[in-house]
Amino acid sequence: FDFDTESYYAPSVAIRDAPRFPHRGLMIDTARHFEPLSAIRAMIDALPYAKLNVLHWHMVDAQSFPFQSLSSPRLWDGAFSPSERYTQADVAAVVEYARLRGVRVMVEFDMPGHNDAWCTGYPSICPSASCKSPLN
């Protein structure tokens, strides 16, 4: 570094900066730890700074089902609370928000195991009250 000109001099040096892997991601687990949409957007904003391009959204598990299903609307009765849910519009907005920042969202619905939360809205699909998995 030349302090007089405030410039770098590096003869015959080539710097190539690229990620090692094409899929570089971060997983968030809102099935066990609900995150508000503002927190999810903040995580998405931070991903490109670390050269991460995938948000793996573990949304549904045994602990909760916070996603709005139009075909089975009682599934999200298994959310932690009515205020800790994501509508289909919420998820679509997060996916678009991420896309505009070069981040792909991969939503995971953990099944056929890990589905105890489904039994809250649809108890008849579970083998018994004491045995929640696997689904009937």
N, C-alpha and C. Protein backbone atom coordinates (compact mmCIF):
# COMPACT_ATOMS: atom_id res chain seq x y z
N PHE A 1 0.85 -1.17 0.00
CA PHE A 1 0.00 0.00 0.00
C PHE A 1 0.89 1.23 0.00
N ASP A 2 0.59 2.16 -0.90
CA ASP A 2 1.33 3.42 -0.98
C ASP A 2 0.53 4.48 -0.24
N PHE A 3 1.03 4.91 0.93
CA PHE A 3 0.30 5.86 1.75
C PHE A 3 0.21 7.24 1.11
N ASP A 4 1.17 7.60 0.26
CA ASP A 4 1.14 8.90 -0.39
C ASP A 4 0.01 8.99 -1.41
N THR A 5 -0.18 7.92 -2.17
CA THR A 5 -1.23 7.94 -3.21
C THR A 5 -2.49 7.20 -2.77
N GLU A 6 -2.41 6.59 -1.59
CA GLU A 6 -3.53 5.79 -1.07
C GLU A 6 -4.01 4.75 -2.09
N SER A 7 -3.05 4.02 -2.63
CA SER A 7 -3.39 2.99 -3.60
C SER A 7 -2.55 1.74 -3.35
N TYR A 8 -3.06 0.64 -3.88
CA TYR A 8 -2.36 -0.64 -3.77
C TYR A 8 -1.56 -0.90 -5.02
N TYR A 9 -0.41 -1.49 -4.85
CA TYR A 9 0.39 -1.93 -5.98
C TYR A 9 0.67 -3.40 -5.76
N ALA A 10 0.18 -4.22 -6.68
CA ALA A 10 0.40 -5.66 -6.57
C ALA A 10 0.72 -6.21 -7.95
N PRO A 11 2.00 -6.28 -8.29
CA PRO A 11 2.36 -6.80 -9.61
C PRO A 11 2.04 -8.29 -9.72
N SER A 12 1.49 -8.67 -10.85
CA SER A 12 1.18 -10.05 -11.22
C SER A 12 0.36 -10.80 -10.17
N VAL A 13 -0.60 -10.12 -9.61
CA VAL A 13 -1.50 -10.75 -8.66
C VAL A 13 -2.91 -10.71 -9.24
N ALA A 14 -3.56 -11.85 -9.22
CA ALA A 14 -4.95 -11.91 -9.67
C ALA A 14 -5.80 -12.42 -8.52
N ILE A 15 -6.83 -11.67 -8.21
CA ILE A 15 -7.73 -12.06 -7.13
C ILE A 15 -9.05 -12.51 -7.75
N ARG A 16 -9.39 -13.73 -7.49
CA ARG A 16 -10.69 -14.26 -7.93
C ARG A 16 -11.47 -14.62 -6.69
N ASP A 17 -12.62 -14.02 -6.55
CA ASP A 17 -13.44 -14.24 -5.38
C ASP A 17 -14.75 -14.86 -5.82
N ALA A 18 -14.99 -16.09 -5.40
CA ALA A 18 -16.22 -16.79 -5.76
C ALA A 18 -16.55 -17.79 -4.65
N PRO A 19 -17.82 -18.05 -4.47
CA PRO A 19 -18.19 -19.06 -3.47
C PRO A 19 -17.70 -20.44 -3.88
N ARG A 20 -17.39 -21.25 -2.91
CA ARG A 20 -16.89 -22.59 -3.20
C ARG A 20 -18.01 -23.51 -3.70
N PHE A 21 -19.21 -23.35 -3.17
CA PHE A 21 -20.33 -24.21 -3.53
C PHE A 21 -21.47 -23.38 -4.11
N PRO A 22 -22.22 -23.93 -5.08
CA PRO A 22 -23.33 -23.17 -5.65
C PRO A 22 -24.51 -23.00 -4.69
N HIS A 23 -24.68 -23.94 -3.77
CA HIS A 23 -25.77 -23.87 -2.79
C HIS A 23 -25.16 -23.52 -1.44
N ARG A 24 -25.42 -22.30 -1.00
CA ARG A 24 -24.89 -21.86 0.29
C ARG A 24 -26.05 -21.29 1.06
N GLY A 25 -26.39 -21.89 2.18
CA GLY A 25 -27.62 -21.45 2.83
C GLY A 25 -27.57 -21.38 4.33
N LEU A 26 -28.67 -20.85 4.82
CA LEU A 26 -28.92 -20.73 6.24
C LEU A 26 -30.28 -21.33 6.51
N MET A 27 -30.41 -22.12 7.58
CA MET A 27 -31.70 -22.68 7.93
C MET A 27 -32.28 -21.95 9.13
N ILE A 28 -33.55 -21.59 9.01
CA ILE A 28 -34.28 -21.05 10.15
C ILE A 28 -35.37 -22.06 10.49
N ASP A 29 -35.69 -22.21 11.76
CA ASP A 29 -36.64 -23.21 12.22
C ASP A 29 -37.79 -22.50 12.93
N THR A 30 -38.78 -22.07 12.15
CA THR A 30 -39.93 -21.38 12.74
C THR A 30 -40.97 -22.36 13.26
N ALA A 31 -40.77 -23.65 13.02
CA ALA A 31 -41.67 -24.66 13.60
C ALA A 31 -41.45 -24.74 15.10
N ARG A 32 -40.22 -24.55 15.54
CA ARG A 32 -39.90 -24.61 16.96
C ARG A 32 -39.72 -23.23 17.59
N HIS A 33 -39.31 -22.27 16.79
CA HIS A 33 -39.01 -20.91 17.29
C HIS A 33 -39.61 -19.92 16.31
N PHE A 34 -40.84 -19.49 16.57
CA PHE A 34 -41.52 -18.58 15.65
C PHE A 34 -40.71 -17.30 15.49
N GLU A 35 -40.62 -16.84 14.25
CA GLU A 35 -39.95 -15.57 13.93
C GLU A 35 -40.95 -14.68 13.21
N PRO A 36 -41.07 -13.42 13.62
CA PRO A 36 -41.95 -12.51 12.88
C PRO A 36 -41.40 -12.23 11.49
N LEU A 37 -42.25 -11.81 10.60
CA LEU A 37 -41.83 -11.55 9.21
C LEU A 37 -40.70 -10.53 9.13
N SER A 38 -40.73 -9.54 10.01
CA SER A 38 -39.65 -8.54 9.98
C SER A 38 -38.30 -9.17 10.28
N ALA A 39 -38.25 -10.15 11.17
CA ALA A 39 -36.99 -10.83 11.49
C ALA A 39 -36.54 -11.70 10.31
N ILE A 40 -37.49 -12.34 9.64
CA ILE A 40 -37.14 -13.17 8.48
C ILE A 40 -36.59 -12.29 7.36
N ARG A 41 -37.22 -11.14 7.13
CA ARG A 41 -36.70 -10.22 6.10
C ARG A 41 -35.32 -9.70 6.47
N ALA A 42 -35.09 -9.44 7.74
CA ALA A 42 -33.76 -8.98 8.18
C ALA A 42 -32.70 -10.06 7.93
N MET A 43 -33.06 -11.34 8.17
CA MET A 43 -32.12 -12.43 7.89
C MET A 43 -31.83 -12.50 6.40
N ILE A 44 -32.86 -12.34 5.59
CA ILE A 44 -32.67 -12.38 4.13
C ILE A 44 -31.76 -11.24 3.69
N ASP A 45 -31.95 -10.07 4.27
CA ASP A 45 -31.09 -8.93 3.92
C ASP A 45 -29.62 -9.21 4.23
N ALA A 46 -29.35 -9.99 5.27
CA ALA A 46 -27.98 -10.25 5.69
C ALA A 46 -27.31 -11.36 4.87
N LEU A 47 -28.07 -12.25 4.28
CA LEU A 47 -27.49 -13.41 3.60
C LEU A 47 -26.49 -13.06 2.49
N PRO A 48 -26.81 -12.14 1.59
CA PRO A 48 -25.84 -11.85 0.52
C PRO A 48 -24.49 -11.32 1.03
N TYR A 49 -24.46 -10.68 2.18
CA TYR A 49 -23.20 -10.17 2.72
C TYR A 49 -22.25 -11.32 3.06
N ALA A 50 -22.81 -12.48 3.38
CA ALA A 50 -22.00 -13.66 3.69
C ALA A 50 -21.94 -14.63 2.52
N LYS A 51 -22.36 -14.16 1.35
CA LYS A 51 -22.38 -14.96 0.12
C LYS A 51 -23.26 -16.20 0.26
N LEU A 52 -24.35 -16.06 0.99
CA LEU A 52 -25.33 -17.14 1.13
C LEU A 52 -26.48 -16.85 0.18
N ASN A 53 -26.95 -17.87 -0.52
CA ASN A 53 -27.99 -17.64 -1.52
C ASN A 53 -29.25 -18.48 -1.33
N VAL A 54 -29.33 -19.22 -0.23
CA VAL A 54 -30.52 -20.04 0.03
C VAL A 54 -30.96 -19.85 1.48
N LEU A 55 -32.25 -19.63 1.65
CA LEU A 55 -32.85 -19.62 2.98
C LEU A 55 -33.69 -20.89 3.08
N HIS A 56 -33.24 -21.81 3.91
CA HIS A 56 -33.96 -23.06 4.16
C HIS A 56 -34.90 -22.77 5.32
N TRP A 57 -36.20 -22.72 5.02
CA TRP A 57 -37.21 -22.33 6.00
C TRP A 57 -37.90 -23.59 6.50
N HIS A 58 -37.48 -24.08 7.65
CA HIS A 58 -38.08 -25.25 8.29
C HIS A 58 -39.34 -24.76 9.01
N MET A 59 -40.45 -24.83 8.30
CA MET A 59 -41.66 -24.17 8.77
C MET A 59 -42.56 -25.05 9.64
N VAL A 60 -42.62 -26.34 9.34
CA VAL A 60 -43.59 -27.22 9.99
C VAL A 60 -42.86 -28.40 10.62
N ASP A 61 -43.21 -28.72 11.87
CA ASP A 61 -42.64 -29.87 12.54
C ASP A 61 -43.63 -30.32 13.61
N ALA A 62 -43.20 -31.24 14.47
CA ALA A 62 -44.09 -31.76 15.51
C ALA A 62 -44.57 -30.67 16.46
N GLN A 63 -43.74 -29.66 16.69
CA GLN A 63 -44.06 -28.63 17.67
C GLN A 63 -45.16 -27.68 17.20
N SER A 64 -45.20 -27.34 15.92
CA SER A 64 -46.22 -26.40 15.45
C SER A 64 -46.41 -26.52 13.95
N PHE A 65 -47.58 -26.07 13.53
CA PHE A 65 -47.92 -25.99 12.10
C PHE A 65 -48.43 -24.58 11.86
N PRO A 66 -47.52 -23.62 11.66
CA PRO A 66 -47.93 -22.22 11.57
C PRO A 66 -48.32 -21.74 10.16
N PHE A 67 -48.49 -22.67 9.22
CA PHE A 67 -48.76 -22.31 7.82
C PHE A 67 -50.25 -22.45 7.50
N GLN A 68 -50.78 -21.50 6.76
CA GLN A 68 -52.17 -21.52 6.33
C GLN A 68 -52.33 -22.48 5.15
N SER A 69 -53.10 -23.54 5.37
CA SER A 69 -53.41 -24.48 4.30
C SER A 69 -54.84 -24.24 3.85
N LEU A 70 -55.02 -23.96 2.58
CA LEU A 70 -56.37 -23.73 2.07
C LEU A 70 -57.14 -25.04 1.93
N SER A 71 -56.44 -26.13 1.64
CA SER A 71 -57.13 -27.41 1.47
C SER A 71 -57.45 -28.08 2.81
N SER A 72 -56.68 -27.79 3.84
CA SER A 72 -56.92 -28.36 5.18
C SER A 72 -56.78 -27.23 6.20
N PRO A 73 -57.78 -26.36 6.29
CA PRO A 73 -57.64 -25.12 7.06
C PRO A 73 -57.42 -25.29 8.56
N ARG A 74 -57.76 -26.43 9.12
CA ARG A 74 -57.58 -26.60 10.58
C ARG A 74 -56.15 -27.02 10.93
N LEU A 75 -55.30 -27.25 9.94
CA LEU A 75 -53.92 -27.62 10.26
C LEU A 75 -53.23 -26.54 11.09
N TRP A 76 -53.48 -25.29 10.78
CA TRP A 76 -52.75 -24.27 11.53
C TRP A 76 -53.33 -24.02 12.91
N ASP A 77 -54.33 -24.84 13.30
CA ASP A 77 -54.73 -24.86 14.71
C ASP A 77 -53.56 -25.37 15.56
N GLY A 78 -52.62 -26.05 14.91
CA GLY A 78 -51.43 -26.56 15.59
C GLY A 78 -50.32 -25.53 15.73
N ALA A 79 -50.58 -24.28 15.38
CA ALA A 79 -49.57 -23.22 15.59
C ALA A 79 -49.47 -22.93 17.09
N PHE A 80 -48.36 -22.29 17.50
CA PHE A 80 -48.20 -21.96 18.91
C PHE A 80 -49.34 -21.08 19.42
N SER A 81 -49.76 -20.12 18.60
CA SER A 81 -50.87 -19.24 18.95
C SER A 81 -51.41 -18.64 17.65
N PRO A 82 -52.61 -18.07 17.70
CA PRO A 82 -53.15 -17.45 16.48
C PRO A 82 -52.29 -16.30 15.94
N SER A 83 -51.50 -15.67 16.80
CA SER A 83 -50.64 -14.58 16.33
C SER A 83 -49.30 -15.08 15.79
N GLU A 84 -49.05 -16.38 15.90
CA GLU A 84 -47.79 -16.95 15.42
C GLU A 84 -48.07 -17.89 14.25
N ARG A 85 -48.56 -17.28 13.18
CA ARG A 85 -48.93 -18.01 11.97
C ARG A 85 -48.47 -17.23 10.75
N TYR A 86 -48.33 -17.97 9.63
CA TYR A 86 -47.98 -17.35 8.35
C TYR A 86 -49.09 -17.66 7.35
N THR A 87 -49.64 -16.62 6.74
CA THR A 87 -50.62 -16.83 5.69
C THR A 87 -49.89 -17.19 4.39
N GLN A 88 -50.64 -17.67 3.43
CA GLN A 88 -50.01 -17.96 2.14
C GLN A 88 -49.46 -16.67 1.52
N ALA A 89 -50.16 -15.56 1.74
CA ALA A 89 -49.67 -14.28 1.22
C ALA A 89 -48.35 -13.88 1.91
N ASP A 90 -48.23 -14.17 3.21
CA ASP A 90 -46.98 -13.88 3.93
C ASP A 90 -45.81 -14.64 3.31
N VAL A 91 -46.02 -15.93 3.06
CA VAL A 91 -44.95 -16.77 2.52
C VAL A 91 -44.60 -16.32 1.10
N ALA A 92 -45.61 -16.02 0.29
CA ALA A 92 -45.35 -15.54 -1.07
C ALA A 92 -44.57 -14.23 -1.04
N ALA A 93 -44.89 -13.35 -0.10
CA ALA A 93 -44.18 -12.07 0.01
C ALA A 93 -42.73 -12.29 0.43
N VAL A 94 -42.48 -13.22 1.34
CA VAL A 94 -41.10 -13.53 1.76
C VAL A 94 -40.31 -14.10 0.58
N VAL A 95 -40.92 -15.01 -0.17
CA VAL A 95 -40.24 -15.61 -1.32
C VAL A 95 -39.88 -14.53 -2.35
N GLU A 96 -40.79 -13.62 -2.62
CA GLU A 96 -40.52 -12.55 -3.58
C GLU A 96 -39.47 -11.57 -3.03
N TYR A 97 -39.56 -11.23 -1.76
CA TYR A 97 -38.58 -10.35 -1.12
C TYR A 97 -37.18 -10.94 -1.27
N ALA A 98 -37.07 -12.24 -1.02
CA ALA A 98 -35.78 -12.92 -1.13
C ALA A 98 -35.30 -12.98 -2.59
N ARG A 99 -36.22 -13.28 -3.49
CA ARG A 99 -35.86 -13.38 -4.92
C ARG A 99 -35.23 -12.09 -5.42
N LEU A 100 -35.79 -10.96 -5.01
CA LEU A 100 -35.26 -9.67 -5.43
C LEU A 100 -33.86 -9.41 -4.89
N ARG A 101 -33.43 -10.18 -3.91
CA ARG A 101 -32.10 -10.03 -3.33
C ARG A 101 -31.18 -11.20 -3.70
N GLY A 102 -31.62 -12.02 -4.65
CA GLY A 102 -30.80 -13.12 -5.11
C GLY A 102 -30.76 -14.32 -4.18
N VAL A 103 -31.78 -14.43 -3.33
CA VAL A 103 -31.85 -15.53 -2.37
C VAL A 103 -33.04 -16.41 -2.72
N ARG A 104 -32.81 -17.72 -2.75
CA ARG A 104 -33.88 -18.68 -3.01
C ARG A 104 -34.40 -19.19 -1.67
N VAL A 105 -35.71 -19.24 -1.52
CA VAL A 105 -36.32 -19.75 -0.30
C VAL A 105 -36.78 -21.18 -0.56
N MET A 106 -36.35 -22.08 0.30
CA MET A 106 -36.76 -23.48 0.23
C MET A 106 -37.54 -23.78 1.51
N VAL A 107 -38.86 -23.94 1.37
CA VAL A 107 -39.72 -24.19 2.53
C VAL A 107 -39.80 -25.69 2.77
N GLU A 108 -39.58 -26.10 4.01
CA GLU A 108 -39.63 -27.52 4.36
C GLU A 108 -40.85 -27.82 5.22
N PHE A 109 -41.61 -28.83 4.81
CA PHE A 109 -42.70 -29.38 5.59
C PHE A 109 -42.23 -30.77 6.03
N ASP A 110 -41.88 -30.89 7.28
CA ASP A 110 -41.28 -32.12 7.79
C ASP A 110 -42.37 -33.18 8.00
N MET A 111 -42.36 -34.20 7.15
CA MET A 111 -43.34 -35.28 7.25
C MET A 111 -42.83 -36.48 6.46
N PRO A 112 -43.28 -37.69 6.62
CA PRO A 112 -44.49 -38.12 7.32
C PRO A 112 -44.32 -38.22 8.83
N GLY A 113 -43.12 -38.18 9.33
CA GLY A 113 -42.93 -38.13 10.78
C GLY A 113 -42.94 -36.69 11.24
N HIS A 114 -42.78 -36.47 12.51
CA HIS A 114 -42.69 -35.11 13.06
C HIS A 114 -43.95 -34.32 12.77
N ASN A 115 -45.10 -34.91 12.90
CA ASN A 115 -46.34 -34.23 12.51
C ASN A 115 -47.35 -34.14 13.63
N ASP A 116 -46.92 -34.17 14.86
CA ASP A 116 -47.84 -34.13 15.99
C ASP A 116 -48.75 -32.91 15.95
N ALA A 117 -48.25 -31.79 15.46
CA ALA A 117 -49.06 -30.56 15.42
C ALA A 117 -50.27 -30.71 14.50
N TRP A 118 -50.21 -31.62 13.55
CA TRP A 118 -51.34 -31.82 12.64
C TRP A 118 -52.55 -32.34 13.40
N CYS A 119 -52.29 -33.09 14.47
CA CYS A 119 -53.37 -33.73 15.21
C CYS A 119 -54.22 -32.74 15.99
N THR A 120 -53.74 -31.55 16.19
CA THR A 120 -54.53 -30.53 16.89
C THR A 120 -55.77 -30.19 16.09
N GLY A 121 -55.59 -29.94 14.81
CA GLY A 121 -56.72 -29.58 13.96
C GLY A 121 -57.48 -30.77 13.41
N TYR A 122 -56.78 -31.89 13.23
CA TYR A 122 -57.38 -33.09 12.64
C TYR A 122 -57.01 -34.32 13.47
N PRO A 123 -57.61 -34.48 14.66
CA PRO A 123 -57.24 -35.61 15.52
C PRO A 123 -57.50 -36.99 14.89
N SER A 124 -58.41 -37.07 13.94
CA SER A 124 -58.75 -38.36 13.35
C SER A 124 -57.63 -38.93 12.47
N ILE A 125 -56.67 -38.09 12.07
CA ILE A 125 -55.58 -38.61 11.22
C ILE A 125 -54.46 -39.23 12.03
N CYS A 126 -54.53 -39.09 13.36
CA CYS A 126 -53.49 -39.66 14.22
C CYS A 126 -53.94 -41.01 14.74
N PRO A 127 -53.00 -41.93 14.93
CA PRO A 127 -53.38 -43.28 15.38
C PRO A 127 -54.14 -43.29 16.71
N SER A 128 -53.75 -42.44 17.65
CA SER A 128 -54.45 -42.35 18.94
C SER A 128 -54.06 -41.05 19.62
N ALA A 129 -54.72 -40.75 20.73
CA ALA A 129 -54.39 -39.51 21.46
C ALA A 129 -52.98 -39.55 22.03
N SER A 130 -52.48 -40.74 22.32
CA SER A 130 -51.14 -40.84 22.90
C SER A 130 -50.07 -41.14 21.85
N CYS A 131 -50.50 -41.49 20.66
CA CYS A 131 -49.56 -41.80 19.56
C CYS A 131 -49.88 -40.92 18.38
N LYS A 132 -49.07 -39.90 18.16
CA LYS A 132 -49.37 -38.90 17.14
C LYS A 132 -48.77 -39.22 15.78
N SER A 133 -47.78 -40.08 15.73
CA SER A 133 -47.11 -40.38 14.46
C SER A 133 -46.95 -41.88 14.31
N PRO A 134 -46.92 -42.42 13.13
CA PRO A 134 -47.16 -41.76 11.84
C PRO A 134 -48.65 -41.52 11.62
N LEU A 135 -48.95 -40.71 10.64
CA LEU A 135 -50.34 -40.38 10.35
C LEU A 135 -51.07 -41.58 9.77
N ASN A 136 -52.37 -41.64 10.03
CA ASN A 136 -53.22 -42.64 9.37
C ASN A 136 -53.42 -42.23 7.92
